[in-house]
Amino acid sequence: MASNPNYCDITPEIEALAAQALRNSSIDPDDFVKYDVKRGLRDLNGKGVLAGLTEVSDIVAKKIVDGEELPCDGKLYYRGVDVEQLVEGALKEGRFGFEETAYLLLLGHLPNQEELESFTKQLSYYRSLPNNFVRDVILKAPSHDIMNSLARSVLNLASYDDRADDISLPNVMRQCVQLISLFPMLSVYGYQAWNYRSGSSLYIHAPRPELSAAENILSLLRADSTYSFWEAHVLDICLTLHAEHGGGNNSTFTTHVVTSSGTDTYSCMAAALASLKGPKHGGANIKVVRMFEDMKEQVKDWKDEDEVRRYLQDLLDKKAFDKAGLIYGMGHAVYSLSDPRANLLHSFVEKLSREKGRNEEYELYSLVERLGPEVIAGERKMYKGVSANVDFYSGFVYHMLDLPLELYTPIFAMARIAGWSAHRIEELINMGKIIRPAYKYVGTHTDYVPMQQR
């Protein structure tokens, strides 16, 4: 709560200023077509404007057949390795895969046993916060928005780093490995601080060096620090699938843009966090969960296809849930026929739902996954296919793991920090000009008018 009772007031004067801004800052939508502006840096077919090159990851959503570009089932590669094989390989060997994934993204090749053990030890070595950091930073002025709390903590870490502004490769590598290992602590402690402020008990568990990132998240969060083998593995799979997704997604592009200015690692990652926080990016899985909660209240028979279809139509018609006209979790900027991350999660969600006794909810999700694209295709002109994206199932996974809603997007950040780090290092190594696209001025020029004549 703000200490000043007027701090959050929107006065009539401010309302008037906002109205003036609306009148004087609205650009004619036809001008974007007239000047061939690629809004969102994408064309009508969803193809992005080429702004850079990367070796970190590859997203495949189309194939060339007889010289024609056609949509295909989506594939995602980390440093050339199929992410499905990464997940399956770790599961077959009965180990956790996120640490291996982080190494692969940062260093460009799969680690052998010795390299992975050494890297994991480095993560454990850096998994400790400066003295009194929890008391002086996290517990003071806790925020209900854990992404804001996480960004604040990251910026504050710069005050404890004598080499905060050093962008030499060894120092940036140290900072990135440090942040990869610290993000779970900063996020969970931020949540615990807010929870305590709201009247709950305060739990600040120390991380355990022998645990994986996924295990530490569950151990730090839960009062008794307990978790099942399958819970930790499903969370680890989520971390692996969220670790990276090309250089063009909003937060990773932010990482490139900010890095190109020569700024420090902490400022760069705080900017990426600010981007990821948005409901059109990392916050989407929260919208999916809330949409389903509303659906479960409005739809009487979850197995009735007609009733579910009517609800989905109401979503598009802006009559249901938040009246935004969206079926959350459906569609992706790149993928059309399928999102490989959603496909992978689907099979594990089914197993977890059986373990948690939530089969009926799983069947509802599966039904919406099937009906959603049909309803959208019947309502809107489609430039490419629509399928369930990774957010469609990840929120359900977190819900079944009893993770608080406030941590859904921070968990995304705990994973994506690995990809951001790889892209920051890549940008630093290949850095040329500062990234600066063009904006065309479409206003008018006017003469200055003296104060007395206005």
Protein backbone atom coordinates (compact mmCIF):
# COMPACT_ATOMS: atom_id res chain seq x y z
CA MET A 1 0.00 0.00 0.00
CA ALA A 2 1.23 3.51 -0.82
CA SER A 3 2.09 5.53 2.30
CA ASN A 4 0.75 8.71 0.68
CA PRO A 5 -3.06 8.34 0.35
CA ASN A 6 -3.01 10.51 -2.79
CA TYR A 7 -0.21 8.58 -4.47
CA CYS A 8 -2.43 6.50 -6.76
CA ASP A 9 -5.20 9.05 -7.34
CA ILE A 10 -6.07 9.89 -10.94
CA THR A 11 -7.24 13.48 -10.69
CA PRO A 12 -9.65 15.15 -13.16
CA GLU A 13 -6.67 17.17 -14.40
CA ILE A 14 -4.77 13.99 -15.22
CA GLU A 15 -7.86 12.60 -16.99
CA ALA A 16 -7.92 15.75 -19.10
CA LEU A 17 -4.21 15.41 -19.94
CA ALA A 18 -4.80 11.81 -21.03
CA ALA A 19 -7.70 12.90 -23.24
CA GLN A 20 -5.47 15.52 -24.89
CA ALA A 21 -2.79 12.91 -25.51
CA LEU A 22 -5.38 10.63 -27.10
CA ARG A 23 -6.55 13.38 -29.45
CA ASN A 24 -3.05 14.46 -30.45
CA SER A 25 -1.23 11.13 -30.64
CA SER A 26 -3.63 8.93 -32.62
CA ILE A 27 -2.20 7.96 -36.01
CA ASP A 28 -4.54 7.13 -38.91
CA PRO A 29 -4.44 3.32 -39.36
CA ASP A 30 -4.48 3.82 -43.16
CA ASP A 31 -1.09 5.55 -42.89
CA PHE A 32 0.53 2.29 -41.82
CA VAL A 33 -0.66 0.73 -45.09
CA LYS A 34 0.22 3.83 -47.13
CA TYR A 35 3.84 3.81 -45.96
CA ASP A 36 4.12 -0.01 -45.95
CA VAL A 37 4.91 -0.14 -42.25
CA LYS A 38 5.37 -3.66 -40.91
CA ARG A 39 3.45 -3.22 -37.67
CA GLY A 40 4.94 -5.42 -34.98
CA LEU A 41 7.82 -5.96 -37.44
CA ARG A 42 5.67 -8.63 -39.16
CA ASP A 43 3.75 -8.79 -42.44
CA LEU A 44 0.17 -10.00 -42.88
CA ASN A 45 1.38 -13.59 -43.26
CA GLY A 46 3.13 -13.42 -39.91
CA LYS A 47 6.61 -13.36 -41.41
CA GLY A 48 9.02 -11.26 -39.38
CA VAL A 49 11.26 -8.53 -40.73
CA LEU A 50 14.82 -9.87 -40.79
CA ALA A 51 16.70 -7.82 -38.18
CA GLY A 52 19.64 -10.03 -37.28
CA LEU A 53 21.36 -13.41 -37.42
CA THR A 54 21.67 -16.00 -34.65
CA GLU A 55 23.09 -19.45 -34.00
CA VAL A 56 21.31 -19.86 -30.67
CA SER A 57 18.04 -21.42 -31.83
CA ASP A 58 15.91 -22.15 -34.87
CA ILE A 59 12.13 -22.17 -35.19
CA VAL A 60 10.72 -24.14 -38.12
CA ALA A 61 7.08 -23.63 -39.07
CA LYS A 62 7.20 -23.89 -42.87
CA LYS A 63 8.80 -26.05 -45.54
CA ILE A 64 9.45 -25.57 -49.26
CA VAL A 65 7.58 -28.02 -51.53
CA ASP A 66 8.04 -27.64 -55.29
CA GLY A 67 9.20 -24.08 -54.77
CA GLU A 68 6.17 -23.19 -52.67
CA GLU A 69 6.31 -22.28 -48.98
CA LEU A 70 3.84 -24.41 -47.01
CA PRO A 71 3.05 -24.63 -43.27
CA CYS A 72 4.34 -27.71 -41.44
CA ASP A 73 4.31 -29.10 -37.92
CA GLY A 74 6.48 -26.86 -35.79
CA LYS A 75 9.99 -27.77 -34.71
CA LEU A 76 12.29 -25.99 -32.25
CA TYR A 77 16.04 -26.45 -32.21
CA TYR A 78 18.50 -25.28 -29.54
CA ARG A 79 21.92 -24.85 -31.16
CA GLY A 80 20.76 -27.30 -33.84
CA VAL A 81 19.47 -29.93 -31.38
CA ASP A 82 15.76 -30.79 -31.50
CA VAL A 83 14.21 -29.75 -28.17
CA GLU A 84 12.07 -32.89 -28.21
CA GLN A 85 15.24 -34.99 -28.22
CA LEU A 86 16.65 -32.90 -25.36
CA VAL A 87 13.59 -33.61 -23.21
CA GLU A 88 13.43 -37.29 -24.15
CA GLY A 89 17.17 -37.78 -23.61
CA ALA A 90 17.10 -36.41 -20.06
CA LEU A 91 14.00 -38.45 -19.18
CA LYS A 92 15.48 -41.68 -20.56
CA GLU A 93 18.59 -41.19 -18.44
CA GLY A 94 16.51 -40.30 -15.37
CA ARG A 95 18.04 -36.87 -14.87
CA PHE A 96 16.99 -33.23 -15.10
CA GLY A 97 17.52 -31.41 -18.36
CA PHE A 98 17.43 -27.67 -17.71
CA GLU A 99 21.07 -27.38 -16.64
CA GLU A 100 22.17 -29.28 -19.75
CA THR A 101 19.96 -26.97 -21.82
CA ALA A 102 21.48 -23.84 -20.28
CA TYR A 103 24.99 -25.15 -21.05
CA LEU A 104 24.00 -25.95 -24.63
CA LEU A 105 22.54 -22.49 -25.19
CA LEU A 106 25.49 -20.66 -23.65
CA LEU A 107 28.34 -22.73 -25.07
CA GLY A 108 26.91 -24.06 -28.33
CA HIS A 109 27.34 -27.82 -27.85
CA LEU A 110 26.00 -30.63 -25.67
CA PRO A 111 28.17 -31.13 -22.59
CA ASN A 112 29.79 -34.45 -21.74
CA GLN A 113 29.43 -35.79 -18.21
CA GLU A 114 32.48 -33.94 -16.88
CA GLU A 115 31.48 -30.63 -18.50
CA LEU A 116 27.92 -30.86 -17.19
CA GLU A 117 29.09 -31.65 -13.65
CA SER A 118 31.52 -28.70 -13.74
CA PHE A 119 28.80 -26.35 -15.04
CA THR A 120 26.33 -27.55 -12.41
CA LYS A 121 28.93 -26.90 -9.71
CA GLN A 122 29.33 -23.35 -11.03
CA LEU A 123 25.58 -22.82 -10.77
CA SER A 124 25.66 -24.11 -7.18
CA TYR A 125 28.69 -21.93 -6.38
CA TYR A 126 26.84 -18.77 -7.43
CA ARG A 127 23.51 -19.75 -5.85
CA SER A 128 23.87 -17.44 -2.87
CA LEU A 129 22.77 -13.85 -2.40
CA PRO A 130 24.87 -11.04 -0.89
CA ASN A 131 24.72 -10.67 2.89
CA ASN A 132 21.41 -9.18 4.10
CA PHE A 133 20.08 -8.90 0.51
CA VAL A 134 16.83 -10.66 1.41
CA ARG A 135 16.27 -8.33 4.37
CA ASP A 136 17.42 -5.08 2.77
CA VAL A 137 15.96 -5.53 -0.73
CA ILE A 138 13.37 -8.30 -1.01
CA LEU A 139 11.55 -7.97 2.33
CA LYS A 140 11.32 -4.18 2.08
CA ALA A 141 8.36 -2.85 0.07
CA PRO A 142 7.32 -6.25 -1.35
CA SER A 143 5.18 -6.14 -4.48
CA HIS A 144 2.16 -8.26 -5.41
CA ASP A 145 3.67 -8.28 -8.91
CA ILE A 146 6.60 -10.67 -8.55
CA MET A 147 7.97 -9.72 -11.99
CA ASN A 148 8.42 -6.16 -10.71
CA SER A 149 10.01 -7.52 -7.55
CA LEU A 150 12.35 -9.71 -9.63
CA ALA A 151 13.37 -6.80 -11.87
CA ARG A 152 14.04 -4.62 -8.84
CA SER A 153 16.18 -7.35 -7.26
CA VAL A 154 18.18 -7.77 -10.48
CA LEU A 155 18.89 -4.04 -10.66
CA ASN A 156 19.85 -3.98 -6.98
CA LEU A 157 22.36 -6.79 -7.51
CA ALA A 158 24.39 -4.32 -9.57
CA SER A 159 25.06 -2.38 -6.36
CA TYR A 160 26.82 -5.43 -4.93
CA ASP A 161 28.91 -6.10 -8.05
CA ASP A 162 32.21 -4.22 -8.22
CA ARG A 163 32.40 -5.10 -11.93
CA ALA A 164 28.77 -4.34 -12.81
CA ASP A 165 29.64 -2.26 -15.91
CA ASP A 166 32.41 -4.51 -17.21
CA ILE A 167 31.12 -6.03 -20.47
CA SER A 168 34.18 -8.19 -21.17
CA LEU A 169 33.18 -11.73 -22.14
CA PRO A 170 34.46 -13.53 -18.98
CA ASN A 171 32.69 -11.05 -16.71
CA VAL A 172 29.41 -11.18 -18.62
CA MET A 173 29.58 -14.99 -18.61
CA ARG A 174 30.04 -14.86 -14.82
CA GLN A 175 27.09 -12.48 -14.42
CA CYS A 176 24.86 -14.59 -16.67
CA VAL A 177 25.64 -17.87 -14.88
CA GLN A 178 25.06 -16.07 -11.58
CA LEU A 179 21.65 -14.78 -12.68
CA ILE A 180 20.60 -18.17 -14.09
CA SER A 181 21.28 -19.69 -10.67
CA LEU A 182 19.72 -16.81 -8.67
CA PHE A 183 16.44 -16.23 -10.53
CA PRO A 184 14.56 -19.01 -8.64
CA MET A 185 15.63 -17.59 -5.27
CA LEU A 186 14.83 -13.99 -6.18
CA SER A 187 11.40 -14.97 -7.52
CA VAL A 188 10.33 -17.32 -4.74
CA TYR A 189 11.64 -15.05 -1.98
CA GLY A 190 9.79 -12.15 -3.62
CA TYR A 191 6.60 -14.17 -3.51
CA GLN A 192 7.17 -15.25 0.10
CA ALA A 193 7.74 -11.62 1.11
CA TRP A 194 4.44 -10.55 -0.48
CA ASN A 195 2.63 -13.54 0.99
CA TYR A 196 3.94 -12.62 4.45
CA ARG A 197 2.84 -9.01 3.93
CA SER A 198 -0.63 -10.39 3.17
CA GLY A 199 -0.80 -12.22 6.50
CA SER A 200 0.69 -15.66 5.74
CA SER A 201 3.68 -17.30 7.35
CA LEU A 202 7.13 -16.41 6.04
CA TYR A 203 9.30 -19.23 4.68
CA ILE A 204 12.83 -18.42 3.54
CA HIS A 205 14.47 -21.78 2.85
CA ALA A 206 18.10 -21.94 1.78
CA PRO A 207 18.73 -23.55 -1.62
CA ARG A 208 20.34 -26.99 -1.60
CA PRO A 209 23.45 -27.30 -3.78
CA GLU A 210 22.75 -30.91 -4.80
CA LEU A 211 19.31 -30.07 -6.24
CA SER A 212 18.44 -29.10 -9.80
CA ALA A 213 16.78 -25.77 -10.63
CA ALA A 214 13.34 -27.41 -10.77
CA GLU A 215 13.83 -29.19 -7.44
CA ASN A 216 15.09 -26.02 -5.78
CA ILE A 217 12.06 -24.05 -6.98
CA LEU A 218 9.68 -26.53 -5.33
CA SER A 219 11.87 -26.87 -2.24
CA LEU A 220 12.16 -23.10 -1.75
CA LEU A 221 8.46 -22.53 -2.28
CA ARG A 222 6.80 -25.20 -0.17
CA ALA A 223 6.62 -24.96 3.59
CA ASP A 224 7.86 -28.54 4.07
CA SER A 225 10.17 -28.46 1.00
CA THR A 226 8.74 -31.76 -0.25
CA TYR A 227 7.89 -32.73 -3.83
CA SER A 228 7.42 -35.89 -5.86
CA PHE A 229 9.81 -37.17 -8.50
CA TRP A 230 7.24 -36.59 -11.26
CA GLU A 231 6.38 -33.06 -10.08
CA ALA A 232 10.02 -32.00 -10.30
CA HIS A 233 10.49 -33.62 -13.70
CA VAL A 234 7.43 -31.98 -15.23
CA LEU A 235 8.58 -28.58 -13.93
CA ASP A 236 12.05 -29.29 -15.34
CA ILE A 237 10.48 -30.02 -18.73
CA CYS A 238 8.64 -26.68 -18.56
CA LEU A 239 11.93 -24.90 -17.83
CA THR A 240 13.61 -26.65 -20.76
CA LEU A 241 10.79 -25.78 -23.16
CA HIS A 242 10.71 -22.13 -22.07
CA ALA A 243 14.50 -21.62 -22.04
CA GLU A 244 14.75 -20.15 -25.53
CA HIS A 245 12.66 -19.28 -28.57
CA GLY A 246 14.64 -17.43 -31.21
CA GLY A 247 15.99 -13.92 -31.42
CA GLY A 248 12.76 -12.31 -32.57
CA ASN A 249 10.46 -12.84 -29.59
CA ASN A 250 9.80 -9.61 -27.75
CA SER A 251 11.96 -10.10 -24.66
CA THR A 252 14.91 -11.63 -26.53
CA PHE A 253 14.81 -8.88 -29.15
CA THR A 254 14.81 -6.45 -26.22
CA THR A 255 17.95 -8.21 -24.96
CA HIS A 256 19.64 -7.65 -28.33
CA VAL A 257 18.51 -4.02 -28.57
CA VAL A 258 19.62 -3.13 -25.05
CA THR A 259 22.90 -5.05 -25.34
CA SER A 260 23.72 -3.20 -28.57
CA SER A 261 23.83 0.07 -26.59
CA GLY A 262 26.74 -1.29 -24.52
CA THR A 263 24.84 -1.29 -21.22
CA ASP A 264 25.46 -3.61 -18.28
CA THR A 265 24.04 -7.11 -17.80
CA TYR A 266 21.72 -6.16 -14.93
CA SER A 267 20.05 -3.35 -16.88
CA CYS A 268 19.76 -5.62 -19.90
CA MET A 269 18.02 -8.42 -17.97
CA ALA A 270 15.73 -5.97 -16.16
CA ALA A 271 14.62 -4.69 -19.57
CA ALA A 272 14.00 -8.23 -20.79
CA LEU A 273 11.94 -8.91 -17.66
CA ALA A 274 9.84 -5.82 -18.32
CA SER A 275 9.10 -7.12 -21.80
CA LEU A 276 8.32 -10.68 -20.68
CA LYS A 277 5.89 -9.42 -18.05
CA GLY A 278 3.35 -8.28 -20.64
CA PRO A 279 0.16 -10.37 -21.04
CA LYS A 280 0.86 -10.67 -24.79
CA HIS A 281 4.17 -12.39 -23.98
CA GLY A 282 5.07 -14.18 -20.75
CA GLY A 283 1.86 -13.34 -18.92
CA ALA A 284 -0.30 -15.27 -21.39
CA ASN A 285 -0.48 -18.51 -19.38
CA ILE A 286 -2.14 -16.64 -16.51
CA LYS A 287 -4.84 -15.53 -18.93
CA VAL A 288 -5.32 -19.14 -20.03
CA VAL A 289 -5.85 -20.36 -16.47
CA ARG A 290 -8.27 -17.54 -15.64
CA MET A 291 -10.17 -18.15 -18.88
CA PHE A 292 -10.59 -21.82 -17.98
CA GLU A 293 -11.72 -20.96 -14.47
CA ASP A 294 -14.45 -18.80 -15.99
CA MET A 295 -15.28 -21.51 -18.52
CA LYS A 296 -15.68 -24.13 -15.79
CA GLU A 297 -18.22 -21.88 -14.09
CA GLN A 298 -20.17 -20.99 -17.23
CA VAL A 299 -20.19 -24.38 -18.98
CA LYS A 300 -22.42 -26.85 -17.13
CA ASP A 301 -21.36 -30.02 -18.96
CA TRP A 302 -17.64 -30.00 -19.73
CA LYS A 303 -18.07 -32.90 -22.16
CA ASP A 304 -20.82 -31.25 -24.20
CA GLU A 305 -19.08 -30.13 -27.39
CA ASP A 306 -21.89 -27.80 -28.41
CA GLU A 307 -21.89 -26.02 -25.05
CA VAL A 308 -18.10 -25.65 -25.06
CA ARG A 309 -18.21 -24.42 -28.65
CA ARG A 310 -20.81 -21.78 -27.73
CA TYR A 311 -18.58 -20.52 -24.92
CA LEU A 312 -15.60 -20.27 -27.30
CA GLN A 313 -17.76 -18.37 -29.76
CA ASP A 314 -18.80 -16.02 -26.95
CA LEU A 315 -15.11 -15.40 -26.25
CA LEU A 316 -14.54 -14.33 -29.85
CA ASP A 317 -17.72 -12.23 -29.80
CA LYS A 318 -16.47 -10.39 -26.69
CA LYS A 319 -19.33 -11.71 -24.58
CA ALA A 320 -17.39 -13.96 -22.19
CA PHE A 321 -14.48 -13.77 -19.71
CA ASP A 322 -12.56 -10.48 -20.21
CA LYS A 323 -14.44 -9.55 -23.41
CA ALA A 324 -11.17 -9.10 -25.30
CA GLY A 325 -12.29 -11.25 -28.23
CA LEU A 326 -9.50 -13.80 -27.70
CA ILE A 327 -9.26 -17.51 -26.99
CA TYR A 328 -6.11 -17.45 -24.88
CA GLY A 329 -3.53 -20.14 -25.58
CA MET A 330 -4.59 -20.42 -29.22
CA GLY A 331 -2.33 -19.23 -31.99
CA HIS A 332 1.29 -18.17 -32.24
CA ALA A 333 3.22 -15.49 -34.13
CA VAL A 334 5.30 -18.15 -35.94
CA TYR A 335 3.79 -21.62 -35.56
CA SER A 336 0.68 -22.52 -37.54
CA LEU A 337 -0.05 -26.27 -37.64
CA SER A 338 1.45 -27.03 -34.22
CA ASP A 339 3.69 -25.70 -31.46
CA PRO A 340 6.19 -28.49 -30.59
CA ARG A 341 6.38 -27.28 -26.99
CA ALA A 342 2.60 -27.62 -26.58
CA ASN A 343 2.71 -31.10 -28.13
CA LEU A 344 5.41 -32.19 -25.70
CA LEU A 345 3.61 -30.77 -22.68
CA HIS A 346 0.33 -32.39 -23.74
CA SER A 347 1.57 -35.93 -23.10
CA PHE A 348 3.10 -35.06 -19.72
CA VAL A 349 0.02 -33.09 -18.67
CA GLU A 350 -2.09 -36.21 -19.15
CA LYS A 351 0.16 -38.21 -16.79
CA LEU A 352 0.27 -35.46 -14.19
CA SER A 353 -3.52 -34.98 -14.32
CA ARG A 354 -3.98 -38.69 -13.54
CA GLU A 355 -1.57 -38.41 -10.60
CA LYS A 356 -3.44 -35.35 -9.31
CA GLY A 357 -6.96 -36.76 -9.97
CA ARG A 358 -7.83 -33.99 -12.42
CA ASN A 359 -8.70 -36.01 -15.53
CA GLU A 360 -11.93 -34.12 -16.19
CA GLU A 361 -10.07 -30.81 -16.41
CA TYR A 362 -7.50 -32.38 -18.73
CA GLU A 363 -10.29 -33.63 -21.00
CA LEU A 364 -11.77 -30.12 -21.09
CA TYR A 365 -8.41 -28.68 -22.10
CA SER A 366 -8.09 -31.31 -24.84
CA LEU A 367 -11.58 -30.51 -26.10
CA VAL A 368 -10.84 -26.78 -26.27
CA GLU A 369 -7.53 -27.53 -28.02
CA ARG A 370 -9.50 -29.36 -30.73
CA LEU A 371 -12.47 -26.97 -31.01
CA GLY A 372 -10.63 -23.66 -30.63
CA PRO A 373 -9.00 -23.59 -34.10
CA GLU A 374 -12.33 -24.57 -35.73
CA VAL A 375 -14.20 -21.74 -34.02
CA ILE A 376 -11.51 -19.18 -34.90
CA ALA A 377 -11.34 -20.33 -38.54
CA GLY A 378 -15.11 -19.98 -38.86
CA GLU A 379 -15.05 -16.44 -37.55
CA ARG A 380 -11.95 -14.74 -38.93
CA LYS A 381 -9.92 -14.54 -42.10
CA MET A 382 -6.86 -16.70 -41.53
CA TYR A 383 -3.44 -15.93 -43.01
CA LYS A 384 -1.98 -19.04 -41.40
CA GLY A 385 -3.15 -21.94 -39.28
CA VAL A 386 -3.99 -21.74 -35.59
CA SER A 387 -3.05 -24.29 -32.94
CA ALA A 388 -2.53 -24.48 -29.19
CA ASN A 389 0.66 -22.76 -28.02
CA VAL A 390 2.90 -23.56 -25.06
CA ASP A 391 0.95 -21.23 -22.75
CA PHE A 392 -2.18 -23.31 -23.29
CA TYR A 393 -0.84 -26.18 -21.16
CA SER A 394 1.92 -24.62 -19.05
CA GLY A 395 -0.54 -22.74 -16.84
CA PHE A 396 -2.48 -25.96 -16.23
CA VAL A 397 0.78 -27.69 -15.26
CA TYR A 398 1.62 -24.97 -12.74
CA HIS A 399 -1.94 -25.12 -11.40
CA MET A 400 -1.63 -28.88 -10.82
CA LEU A 401 1.72 -28.31 -9.10
CA ASP A 402 -0.07 -25.93 -6.69
CA LEU A 403 2.17 -23.08 -7.74
CA PRO A 404 0.74 -19.63 -6.97
CA LEU A 405 -0.54 -17.63 -9.94
CA GLU A 406 1.88 -14.84 -9.05
CA LEU A 407 4.83 -17.10 -9.97
CA TYR A 408 3.65 -18.28 -13.40
CA THR A 409 5.44 -15.56 -15.37
CA PRO A 410 8.52 -15.53 -13.08
CA ILE A 411 8.91 -19.27 -13.79
CA PHE A 412 8.98 -18.37 -17.48
CA ALA A 413 11.74 -15.88 -16.61
CA MET A 414 13.66 -18.47 -14.56
CA ALA A 415 13.89 -20.51 -17.77
CA ARG A 416 14.26 -17.77 -20.38
CA ILE A 417 17.19 -16.14 -18.56
CA ALA A 418 19.27 -18.95 -20.13
CA GLY A 419 18.23 -17.91 -23.64
CA TRP A 420 18.59 -14.19 -22.90
CA SER A 421 22.11 -14.85 -21.63
CA ALA A 422 23.05 -16.75 -24.80
CA HIS A 423 21.71 -13.95 -26.98
CA ARG A 424 23.41 -11.23 -24.92
CA ILE A 425 26.74 -12.99 -25.28
CA GLU A 426 26.14 -13.53 -29.01
CA GLU A 427 25.30 -9.82 -29.47
CA LEU A 428 28.40 -8.73 -27.55
CA ILE A 429 30.66 -11.01 -29.60
CA ASN A 430 29.21 -9.86 -32.94
CA MET A 431 28.22 -6.35 -31.92
CA GLY A 432 28.36 -3.69 -34.60
CA LYS A 433 26.03 -0.72 -34.71
CA ILE A 434 23.50 0.12 -32.04
CA ILE A 435 20.11 -1.26 -33.10
CA ARG A 436 18.05 1.68 -34.28
CA PRO A 437 15.14 1.14 -36.71
CA ALA A 438 13.39 4.06 -38.41
CA TYR A 439 10.06 5.72 -37.58
CA LYS A 440 8.52 8.05 -40.16
CA TYR A 441 7.09 11.34 -38.94
CA VAL A 442 3.51 11.78 -40.23
CA GLY A 443 2.52 14.87 -38.25
CA THR A 444 2.56 18.48 -39.45
CA HIS A 445 5.10 21.26 -38.90
CA THR A 446 3.83 24.38 -37.11
CA ASP A 447 5.37 27.68 -36.07
CA TYR A 448 6.15 28.44 -32.46
CA VAL A 449 3.53 30.72 -30.89
CA PRO A 450 4.54 33.12 -28.06
CA MET A 451 2.84 32.45 -24.74
CA GLN A 452 0.72 35.63 -24.82
CA GLN A 453 -0.73 34.71 -28.24
CA ARG A 454 -1.83 31.11 -27.45
